[in-house]
Amino acid sequence: MSVLPILLIIWAAIAACFLALLAYKGQLTRYEEDQLFLSEAPTHEQQVQTEIVRKVNQIQPFVRVLGVAAAAMTAGIVGIFTYDAWQHLTK
């Protein structure tokens, strides 16, 4: 049995998690606005924006790790596929 189907399954799981986190991040930032609050007193809008930024900053490391993992898996799968095709062509 080839290792390629197993790598494709692992890649699909990583890519699905990565896309789910990107969709969640998009939902979070949909209502984020660039505002400058000059008042010292915290307002409701300021608290909402601070909470959005906190959530986005909290998931950002996971987005980066899964993005790099998906890219590395893609490069590895393409490399293995290319090597296997080259081996079949030279026989």
PDB file of N, CA and C in Angstrom:
ATOM      1  N   MET A   1       0.836  -1.177   0.000  1.00  0.00           N
ATOM      2  CA  MET A   1       0.000   0.000   0.000  1.00  0.00           C
ATOM      3  C   MET A   1       0.883   1.244   0.000  1.00  0.00           C
ATOM      4  N   SER A   2       0.511   2.196  -0.782  1.00  0.00           N
ATOM      5  CA  SER A   2       1.275   3.429  -0.905  1.00  0.00           C
ATOM      6  C   SER A   2       0.991   4.353   0.273  1.00  0.00           C
ATOM      7  N   VAL A   3       1.918   5.223   0.552  1.00  0.00           N
ATOM      8  CA  VAL A   3       1.767   6.184   1.641  1.00  0.00           C
ATOM      9  C   VAL A   3       0.951   7.403   1.186  1.00  0.00           C
ATOM     10  N   LEU A   4       0.789   7.557  -0.108  1.00  0.00           N
ATOM     11  CA  LEU A   4       0.107   8.730  -0.640  1.00  0.00           C
ATOM     12  C   LEU A   4      -1.354   8.856  -0.182  1.00  0.00           C
ATOM     13  N   PRO A   5      -2.161   7.798  -0.183  1.00  0.00           N
ATOM     14  CA  PRO A   5      -3.547   7.954   0.302  1.00  0.00           C
ATOM     15  C   PRO A   5      -3.634   8.380   1.776  1.00  0.00           C
ATOM     16  N   ILE A   6      -2.709   7.885   2.581  1.00  0.00           N
ATOM     17  CA  ILE A   6      -2.704   8.270   3.992  1.00  0.00           C
ATOM     18  C   ILE A   6      -2.349   9.746   4.126  1.00  0.00           C
ATOM     19  N   LEU A   7      -1.357  10.202   3.359  1.00  0.00           N
ATOM     20  CA  LEU A   7      -0.980  11.615   3.385  1.00  0.00           C
ATOM     21  C   LEU A   7      -2.119  12.502   2.903  1.00  0.00           C
ATOM     22  N   LEU A   8      -2.855  12.037   1.904  1.00  0.00           N
ATOM     23  CA  LEU A   8      -3.984  12.827   1.407  1.00  0.00           C
ATOM     24  C   LEU A   8      -5.086  12.962   2.459  1.00  0.00           C
ATOM     25  N   ILE A   9      -5.322  11.919   3.226  1.00  0.00           N
ATOM     26  CA  ILE A   9      -6.329  11.976   4.286  1.00  0.00           C
ATOM     27  C   ILE A   9      -5.887  12.939   5.381  1.00  0.00           C
ATOM     28  N   ILE A  10      -4.616  12.862   5.778  1.00  0.00           N
ATOM     29  CA  ILE A  10      -4.091  13.779   6.793  1.00  0.00           C
ATOM     30  C   ILE A  10      -4.137  15.209   6.287  1.00  0.00           C
ATOM     31  N   TRP A  11      -3.750  15.411   5.019  1.00  0.00           N
ATOM     32  CA  TRP A  11      -3.789  16.750   4.425  1.00  0.00           C
ATOM     33  C   TRP A  11      -5.224  17.300   4.401  1.00  0.00           C
ATOM     34  N   ALA A  12      -6.182  16.453   4.060  1.00  0.00           N
ATOM     35  CA  ALA A  12      -7.583  16.898   4.013  1.00  0.00           C
ATOM     36  C   ALA A  12      -8.068  17.327   5.399  1.00  0.00           C
ATOM     37  N   ALA A  13      -7.680  16.608   6.438  1.00  0.00           N
ATOM     38  CA  ALA A  13      -8.083  16.970   7.795  1.00  0.00           C
ATOM     39  C   ALA A  13      -7.448  18.302   8.210  1.00  0.00           C
ATOM     40  N   ILE A  14      -6.169  18.469   7.915  1.00  0.00           N
ATOM     41  CA  ILE A  14      -5.494  19.729   8.261  1.00  0.00           C
ATOM     42  C   ILE A  14      -6.096  20.886   7.485  1.00  0.00           C
ATOM     43  N   ALA A  15      -6.328  20.682   6.190  1.00  0.00           N
ATOM     44  CA  ALA A  15      -6.903  21.750   5.364  1.00  0.00           C
ATOM     45  C   ALA A  15      -8.321  22.100   5.818  1.00  0.00           C
ATOM     46  N   ALA A  16      -9.101  21.113   6.218  1.00  0.00           N
ATOM     47  CA  ALA A  16     -10.460  21.384   6.690  1.00  0.00           C
ATOM     48  C   ALA A  16     -10.432  22.205   7.984  1.00  0.00           C
ATOM     49  N   CYS A  17      -9.540  21.862   8.902  1.00  0.00           N
ATOM     50  CA  CYS A  17      -9.413  22.642  10.138  1.00  0.00           C
ATOM     51  C   CYS A  17      -8.948  24.062   9.836  1.00  0.00           C
ATOM     52  N   PHE A  18      -8.005  24.202   8.915  1.00  0.00           N
ATOM     53  CA  PHE A  18      -7.501  25.515   8.528  1.00  0.00           C
ATOM     54  C   PHE A  18      -8.613  26.370   7.924  1.00  0.00           C
ATOM     55  N   LEU A  19      -9.383  25.796   7.020  1.00  0.00           N
ATOM     56  CA  LEU A  19     -10.482  26.535   6.392  1.00  0.00           C
ATOM     57  C   LEU A  19     -11.577  26.879   7.395  1.00  0.00           C
ATOM     58  N   ALA A  20     -11.832  25.980   8.336  1.00  0.00           N
ATOM     59  CA  ALA A  20     -12.835  26.270   9.371  1.00  0.00           C
ATOM     60  C   ALA A  20     -12.388  27.438  10.245  1.00  0.00           C
ATOM     61  N   LEU A  21     -11.108  27.476  10.603  1.00  0.00           N
ATOM     62  CA  LEU A  21     -10.608  28.605  11.395  1.00  0.00           C
ATOM     63  C   LEU A  21     -10.646  29.906  10.610  1.00  0.00           C
ATOM     64  N   LEU A  22     -10.349  29.853   9.312  1.00  0.00           N
ATOM     65  CA  LEU A  22     -10.439  31.055   8.486  1.00  0.00           C
ATOM     66  C   LEU A  22     -11.876  31.554   8.392  1.00  0.00           C
ATOM     67  N   ALA A  23     -12.826  30.633   8.283  1.00  0.00           N
ATOM     68  CA  ALA A  23     -14.231  31.025   8.230  1.00  0.00           C
ATOM     69  C   ALA A  23     -14.669  31.639   9.561  1.00  0.00           C
ATOM     70  N   TYR A  24     -14.232  31.050  10.665  1.00  0.00           N
ATOM     71  CA  TYR A  24     -14.562  31.591  11.991  1.00  0.00           C
ATOM     72  C   TYR A  24     -13.963  32.979  12.174  1.00  0.00           C
ATOM     73  N   LYS A  25     -12.723  33.143  11.752  1.00  0.00           N
ATOM     74  CA  LYS A  25     -12.069  34.448  11.849  1.00  0.00           C
ATOM     75  C   LYS A  25     -12.798  35.481  10.982  1.00  0.00           C
ATOM     76  N   GLY A  26     -13.255  35.060   9.814  1.00  0.00           N
ATOM     77  CA  GLY A  26     -14.021  35.957   8.954  1.00  0.00           C
ATOM     78  C   GLY A  26     -15.337  36.371   9.581  1.00  0.00           C
ATOM     79  N   GLN A  27     -15.979  35.437  10.269  1.00  0.00           N
ATOM     80  CA  GLN A  27     -17.220  35.770  10.968  1.00  0.00           C
ATOM     81  C   GLN A  27     -16.965  36.750  12.108  1.00  0.00           C
ATOM     82  N   LEU A  28     -15.857  36.558  12.809  1.00  0.00           N
ATOM     83  CA  LEU A  28     -15.535  37.458  13.918  1.00  0.00           C
ATOM     84  C   LEU A  28     -15.263  38.877  13.431  1.00  0.00           C
ATOM     85  N   THR A  29     -14.508  38.984  12.363  1.00  0.00           N
ATOM     86  CA  THR A  29     -14.081  40.306  11.906  1.00  0.00           C
ATOM     87  C   THR A  29     -15.093  40.975  10.984  1.00  0.00           C
ATOM     88  N   ARG A  30     -16.194  40.336  10.725  1.00  0.00           N
ATOM     89  CA  ARG A  30     -17.205  40.923   9.849  1.00  0.00           C
ATOM     90  C   ARG A  30     -17.710  42.251  10.389  1.00  0.00           C
ATOM     91  N   TYR A  31     -17.899  42.324  11.684  1.00  0.00           N
ATOM     92  CA  TYR A  31     -18.461  43.526  12.283  1.00  0.00           C
ATOM     93  C   TYR A  31     -17.415  44.390  12.993  1.00  0.00           C
ATOM     94  N   GLU A  32     -16.156  44.053  12.794  1.00  0.00           N
ATOM     95  CA  GLU A  32     -15.104  44.872  13.397  1.00  0.00           C
ATOM     96  C   GLU A  32     -14.965  46.174  12.620  1.00  0.00           C
ATOM     97  N   GLU A  33     -14.827  47.242  13.342  1.00  0.00           N
ATOM     98  CA  GLU A  33     -14.688  48.549  12.721  1.00  0.00           C
ATOM     99  C   GLU A  33     -13.412  49.200  13.212  1.00  0.00           C
ATOM    100  N   ASP A  34     -12.789  49.971  12.351  1.00  0.00           N
ATOM    101  CA  ASP A  34     -11.608  50.728  12.744  1.00  0.00           C
ATOM    102  C   ASP A  34     -12.077  52.037  13.366  1.00  0.00           C
ATOM    103  N   GLN A  35     -11.996  52.087  14.664  1.00  0.00           N
ATOM    104  CA  GLN A  35     -12.421  53.278  15.394  1.00  0.00           C
ATOM    105  C   GLN A  35     -11.342  53.675  16.385  1.00  0.00           C
ATOM    106  N   LEU A  36     -11.266  54.935  16.617  1.00  0.00           N
ATOM    107  CA  LEU A  36     -10.368  55.463  17.626  1.00  0.00           C
ATOM    108  C   LEU A  36     -11.225  56.038  18.745  1.00  0.00           C
ATOM    109  N   PHE A  37     -11.106  55.459  19.927  1.00  0.00           N
ATOM    110  CA  PHE A  37     -11.891  55.912  21.060  1.00  0.00           C
ATOM    111  C   PHE A  37     -11.044  56.897  21.868  1.00  0.00           C
ATOM    112  N   LEU A  38     -11.432  58.157  21.850  1.00  0.00           N
ATOM    113  CA  LEU A  38     -10.666  59.199  22.528  1.00  0.00           C
ATOM    114  C   LEU A  38     -11.077  59.376  23.974  1.00  0.00           C
ATOM    115  N   SER A  39     -12.245  58.944  24.310  1.00  0.00           N
ATOM    116  CA  SER A  39     -12.760  59.089  25.665  1.00  0.00           C
ATOM    117  C   SER A  39     -12.072  58.096  26.594  1.00  0.00           C
ATOM    118  N   GLU A  40     -11.830  58.509  27.825  1.00  0.00           N
ATOM    119  CA  GLU A  40     -11.245  57.618  28.823  1.00  0.00           C
ATOM    120  C   GLU A  40     -12.265  56.618  29.351  1.00  0.00           C
ATOM    121  N   ALA A  41     -13.526  57.000  29.329  1.00  0.00           N
ATOM    122  CA  ALA A  41     -14.582  56.125  29.844  1.00  0.00           C
ATOM    123  C   ALA A  41     -14.850  55.021  28.833  1.00  0.00           C
ATOM    124  N   PRO A  42     -14.827  53.771  29.292  1.00  0.00           N
ATOM    125  CA  PRO A  42     -15.104  52.669  28.361  1.00  0.00           C
ATOM    126  C   PRO A  42     -16.570  52.675  27.919  1.00  0.00           C
ATOM    127  N   THR A  43     -16.775  52.516  26.644  1.00  0.00           N
ATOM    128  CA  THR A  43     -18.124  52.470  26.097  1.00  0.00           C
ATOM    129  C   THR A  43     -18.439  51.042  25.674  1.00  0.00           C
ATOM    130  N   HIS A  44     -19.689  50.798  25.380  1.00  0.00           N
ATOM    131  CA  HIS A  44     -20.100  49.462  24.937  1.00  0.00           C
ATOM    132  C   HIS A  44     -19.424  49.092  23.622  1.00  0.00           C
ATOM    133  N   GLU A  45     -19.354  50.050  22.703  1.00  0.00           N
ATOM    134  CA  GLU A  45     -18.723  49.781  21.402  1.00  0.00           C
ATOM    135  C   GLU A  45     -17.247  49.439  21.568  1.00  0.00           C
ATOM    136  N   GLN A  46     -16.582  50.138  22.460  1.00  0.00           N
ATOM    137  CA  GLN A  46     -15.170  49.879  22.707  1.00  0.00           C
ATOM    138  C   GLN A  46     -14.978  48.481  23.298  1.00  0.00           C
ATOM    139  N   GLN A  47     -15.848  48.085  24.188  1.00  0.00           N
ATOM    140  CA  GLN A  47     -15.753  46.751  24.784  1.00  0.00           C
ATOM    141  C   GLN A  47     -15.990  45.665  23.740  1.00  0.00           C
ATOM    142  N   VAL A  48     -16.936  45.893  22.843  1.00  0.00           N
ATOM    143  CA  VAL A  48     -17.214  44.921  21.783  1.00  0.00           C
ATOM    144  C   VAL A  48     -16.009  44.776  20.863  1.00  0.00           C
ATOM    145  N   GLN A  49     -15.421  45.894  20.455  1.00  0.00           N
ATOM    146  CA  GLN A  49     -14.257  45.851  19.579  1.00  0.00           C
ATOM    147  C   GLN A  49     -13.058  45.206  20.261  1.00  0.00           C
ATOM    148  N   THR A  50     -12.879  45.474  21.529  1.00  0.00           N
ATOM    149  CA  THR A  50     -11.784  44.861  22.284  1.00  0.00           C
ATOM    150  C   THR A  50     -11.970  43.352  22.371  1.00  0.00           C
ATOM    151  N   GLU A  51     -13.197  42.908  22.572  1.00  0.00           N
ATOM    152  CA  GLU A  51     -13.486  41.469  22.629  1.00  0.00           C
ATOM    153  C   GLU A  51     -13.228  40.797  21.281  1.00  0.00           C
ATOM    154  N   ILE A  52     -13.587  41.447  20.189  1.00  0.00           N
ATOM    155  CA  ILE A  52     -13.334  40.895  18.850  1.00  0.00           C
ATOM    156  C   ILE A  52     -11.835  40.753  18.615  1.00  0.00           C
ATOM    157  N   VAL A  53     -11.091  41.782  18.950  1.00  0.00           N
ATOM    158  CA  VAL A  53      -9.635  41.754  18.757  1.00  0.00           C
ATOM    159  C   VAL A  53      -9.008  40.669  19.627  1.00  0.00           C
ATOM    160  N   ARG A  54      -9.500  40.506  20.839  1.00  0.00           N
ATOM    161  CA  ARG A  54      -8.967  39.461  21.726  1.00  0.00           C
ATOM    162  C   ARG A  54      -9.193  38.070  21.145  1.00  0.00           C
ATOM    163  N   LYS A  55     -10.386  37.826  20.618  1.00  0.00           N
ATOM    164  CA  LYS A  55     -10.693  36.521  20.029  1.00  0.00           C
ATOM    165  C   LYS A  55      -9.850  36.257  18.790  1.00  0.00           C
ATOM    166  N   VAL A  56      -9.686  37.278  17.957  1.00  0.00           N
ATOM    167  CA  VAL A  56      -8.875  37.111  16.747  1.00  0.00           C
ATOM    168  C   VAL A  56      -7.424  36.834  17.118  1.00  0.00           C
ATOM    169  N   ASN A  57      -6.893  37.551  18.088  1.00  0.00           N
ATOM    170  CA  ASN A  57      -5.513  37.329  18.521  1.00  0.00           C
ATOM    171  C   ASN A  57      -5.337  35.961  19.159  1.00  0.00           C
ATOM    172  N   GLN A  58      -6.392  35.450  19.762  1.00  0.00           N
ATOM    173  CA  GLN A  58      -6.332  34.142  20.400  1.00  0.00           C
ATOM    174  C   GLN A  58      -6.247  33.010  19.383  1.00  0.00           C
ATOM    175  N   ILE A  59      -6.937  33.118  18.248  1.00  0.00           N
ATOM    176  CA  ILE A  59      -6.913  32.041  17.262  1.00  0.00           C
ATOM    177  C   ILE A  59      -5.828  32.220  16.206  1.00  0.00           C
ATOM    178  N   GLN A  60      -5.181  33.383  16.167  1.00  0.00           N
ATOM    179  CA  GLN A  60      -4.178  33.655  15.132  1.00  0.00           C
ATOM    180  C   GLN A  60      -3.017  32.651  15.122  1.00  0.00           C
ATOM    181  N   PRO A  61      -2.463  32.227  16.263  1.00  0.00           N
ATOM    182  CA  PRO A  61      -1.383  31.226  16.198  1.00  0.00           C
ATOM    183  C   PRO A  61      -1.834  29.903  15.580  1.00  0.00           C
ATOM    184  N   PHE A  62      -3.071  29.495  15.852  1.00  0.00           N
ATOM    185  CA  PHE A  62      -3.582  28.249  15.283  1.00  0.00           C
ATOM    186  C   PHE A  62      -3.746  28.369  13.766  1.00  0.00           C
ATOM    187  N   VAL A  63      -4.184  29.544  13.314  1.00  0.00           N
ATOM    188  CA  VAL A  63      -4.328  29.774  11.876  1.00  0.00           C
ATOM    189  C   VAL A  63      -2.965  29.677  11.205  1.00  0.00           C
ATOM    190  N   ARG A  64      -1.961  30.283  11.805  1.00  0.00           N
ATOM    191  CA  ARG A  64      -0.608  30.239  11.226  1.00  0.00           C
ATOM    192  C   ARG A  64      -0.063  28.818  11.190  1.00  0.00           C
ATOM    193  N   VAL A  65      -0.191  28.086  12.283  1.00  0.00           N
ATOM    194  CA  VAL A  65       0.348  26.721  12.359  1.00  0.00           C
ATOM    195  C   VAL A  65      -0.352  25.824  11.343  1.00  0.00           C
ATOM    196  N   LEU A  66      -1.670  25.894  11.290  1.00  0.00           N
ATOM    197  CA  LEU A  66      -2.401  25.042  10.347  1.00  0.00           C
ATOM    198  C   LEU A  66      -2.124  25.455   8.899  1.00  0.00           C
ATOM    199  N   GLY A  67      -1.933  26.738   8.651  1.00  0.00           N
ATOM    200  CA  GLY A  67      -1.596  27.191   7.301  1.00  0.00           C
ATOM    201  C   GLY A  67      -0.246  26.674   6.858  1.00  0.00           C
ATOM    202  N   VAL A  68       0.739  26.752   7.734  1.00  0.00           N
ATOM    203  CA  VAL A  68       2.076  26.239   7.411  1.00  0.00           C
ATOM    204  C   VAL A  68       2.028  24.721   7.256  1.00  0.00           C
ATOM    205  N   ALA A  69       1.292  24.047   8.107  1.00  0.00           N
ATOM    206  CA  ALA A  69       1.183  22.587   8.012  1.00  0.00           C
ATOM    207  C   ALA A  69       0.509  22.176   6.708  1.00  0.00           C
ATOM    208  N   ALA A  70      -0.551  22.874   6.314  1.00  0.00           N
ATOM    209  CA  ALA A  70      -1.229  22.548   5.056  1.00  0.00           C
ATOM    210  C   ALA A  70      -0.308  22.807   3.863  1.00  0.00           C
ATOM    211  N   ALA A  71       0.446  23.890   3.901  1.00  0.00           N
ATOM    212  CA  ALA A  71       1.375  24.192   2.807  1.00  0.00           C
ATOM    213  C   ALA A  71       2.495  23.156   2.740  1.00  0.00           C
ATOM    214  N   ALA A  72       3.034  22.767   3.891  1.00  0.00           N
ATOM    215  CA  ALA A  72       4.094  21.762   3.908  1.00  0.00           C
ATOM    216  C   ALA A  72       3.580  20.409   3.419  1.00  0.00           C
ATOM    217  N   MET A  73       2.378  20.048   3.856  1.00  0.00           N
ATOM    218  CA  MET A  73       1.800  18.784   3.387  1.00  0.00           C
ATOM    219  C   MET A  73       1.554  18.820   1.890  1.00  0.00           C
ATOM    220  N   THR A  74       1.078  19.947   1.376  1.00  0.00           N
ATOM    221  CA  THR A  74       0.851  20.075  -0.063  1.00  0.00           C
ATOM    222  C   THR A  74       2.156  19.903  -0.823  1.00  0.00           C
ATOM    223  N   ALA A  75       3.205  20.571  -0.373  1.00  0.00           N
ATOM    224  CA  ALA A  75       4.510  20.447  -1.033  1.00  0.00           C
ATOM    225  C   ALA A  75       5.027  19.010  -0.955  1.00  0.00           C
ATOM    226  N   GLY A  76       4.852  18.372   0.191  1.00  0.00           N
ATOM    227  CA  GLY A  76       5.293  16.987   0.338  1.00  0.00           C
ATOM    228  C   GLY A  76       4.532  16.034  -0.569  1.00  0.00           C
ATOM    229  N   ILE A  77       3.236  16.196  -0.645  1.00  0.00           N
ATOM    230  CA  ILE A  77       2.420  15.327  -1.498  1.00  0.00           C
ATOM    231  C   ILE A  77       2.772  15.529  -2.962  1.00  0.00           C
ATOM    232  N   VAL A  78       2.933  16.774  -3.379  1.00  0.00           N
ATOM    233  CA  VAL A  78       3.320  17.048  -4.773  1.00  0.00           C
ATOM    234  C   VAL A  78       4.698  16.458  -5.061  1.00  0.00           C
ATOM    235  N   GLY A  79       5.624  16.585  -4.106  1.00  0.00           N
ATOM    236  CA  GLY A  79       6.957  16.007  -4.286  1.00  0.00           C
ATOM    237  C   GLY A  79       6.925  14.494  -4.405  1.00  0.00           C
ATOM    238  N   ILE A  80       6.177  13.841  -3.543  1.00  0.00           N
ATOM    239  CA  ILE A  80       6.069  12.374  -3.600  1.00  0.00           C
ATOM    240  C   ILE A  80       5.400  11.934  -4.892  1.00  0.00           C
ATOM    241  N   PHE A  81       4.344  12.631  -5.285  1.00  0.00           N
ATOM    242  CA  PHE A  81       3.653  12.292  -6.522  1.00  0.00           C
ATOM    243  C   PHE A  81       4.580  12.459  -7.727  1.00  0.00           C
ATOM    244  N   THR A  82       5.332  13.555  -7.742  1.00  0.00           N
ATOM    245  CA  THR A  82       6.265  13.803  -8.842  1.00  0.00           C
ATOM    246  C   THR A  82       7.364  12.748  -8.875  1.00  0.00           C
ATOM    247  N   TYR A  83       7.905  12.406  -7.724  1.00  0.00           N
ATOM    248  CA  TYR A  83       8.942  11.377  -7.654  1.00  0.00           C
ATOM    249  C   TYR A  83       8.405  10.025  -8.140  1.00  0.00           C
ATOM    250  N   ASP A  84       7.193   9.678  -7.700  1.00  0.00           N
ATOM    251  CA  ASP A  84       6.597   8.420  -8.118  1.00  0.00           C
ATOM    252  C   ASP A  84       6.335   8.405  -9.621  1.00  0.00           C
ATOM    253  N   ALA A  85       5.847   9.502 -10.155  1.00  0.00           N
ATOM    254  CA  ALA A  85       5.618   9.580 -11.604  1.00  0.00           C
ATOM    255  C   ALA A  85       6.930   9.484 -12.357  1.00  0.00           C
ATOM    256  N   TRP A  86       7.977  10.108 -11.849  1.00  0.00           N
ATOM    257  CA  TRP A  86       9.297  10.051 -12.499  1.00  0.00           C
ATOM    258  C   TRP A  86       9.824   8.618 -12.495  1.00  0.00           C
ATOM    259  N   GLN A  87       9.620   7.904 -11.396  1.00  0.00           N
ATOM    260  CA  GLN A  87      10.067   6.528 -11.326  1.00  0.00           C
ATOM    261  C   GLN A  87       9.324   5.628 -12.319  1.00  0.00           C
ATOM    262  N   HIS A  88       8.043   5.875 -12.539  1.00  0.00           N
ATOM    263  CA  HIS A  88       7.274   5.087 -13.493  1.00  0.00           C
ATOM    264  C   HIS A  88       7.652   5.435 -14.933  1.00  0.00           C
ATOM    265  N   LEU A  89       8.045   6.664 -15.190  1.00  0.00           N
ATOM    266  CA  LEU A  89       8.430   7.062 -16.542  1.00  0.00           C
ATOM    267  C   LEU A  89       9.798   6.524 -16.934  1.00  0.00           C
ATOM    268  N   THR A  90      10.704   6.366 -15.984  1.00  0.00           N
ATOM    269  CA  THR A  90      12.053   5.934 -16.305  1.00  0.00           C
ATOM    270  C   THR A  90      12.180   4.418 -16.348  1.00  0.00           C
ATOM    271  N   LYS A  91      11.145   3.694 -16.019  1.00  0.00           N
ATOM    272  CA  LYS A  91      11.226   2.218 -16.068  1.00  0.00           C
ATOM    273  C   LYS A  91      11.090   1.690 -17.456  1.00  0.00           C
TER     274      LYS A  91
END
